Amino acid sequence: MDIPHNHPTREIRTWPSSCPACNAYAVENTTKRVLITGSRDWDRPDLLAYAMGMATGELGPFILVHGDARGADQMAAELHAAYGFTSEPHPANWESLGKRAGFVRNAEMVDLGADLCLAFIKNNSKGATMCADLAEKAGIPTRRYRA
């Protein structure tokens, strides 16, 4: 795989690398997965960026698994994409599942497995709390951030 980059080596660097191509190369060659769950009204991008940076420092580059909802999910996906990293969105199927679509989606994301779950909970969000609880029960290390 030949990816153009601006330095002489292909070493996988800690995120964020100065080289977007190396970021993409690192993510394509990782199996690490971080599940993000969060409130739709999450308004602390600074805390989200801090948590994701800490996770990257510990795990290296990772694939971001998220529910593709507004708020924390989309903030995380946008930040991840800005560095050339890969996201795995799992939008809820509201049309066919109705009100339970978010809960079904969260359970499916947890069942797919992750190395870490980052939960961004505001106003005791039922969906984000439920997803974090499921992740913990599944043995996924979970960190909860509250705003």
Foldseek 3Di string as FASTA:
>chain_A
DDFDWDDDDLDQDQPPDPTLSSLQVQQVPDAAEEEEAEDLPADCLVVLVVVVSVVSVVPPAHEYEYAPHHDSRVSNVVVCVVSNHHYDYRHFPCPVPNPCRLVVSLLVSLVVPHQEYEAEYEPNDPSSVSSQVNNVVSVHHYDYHYD
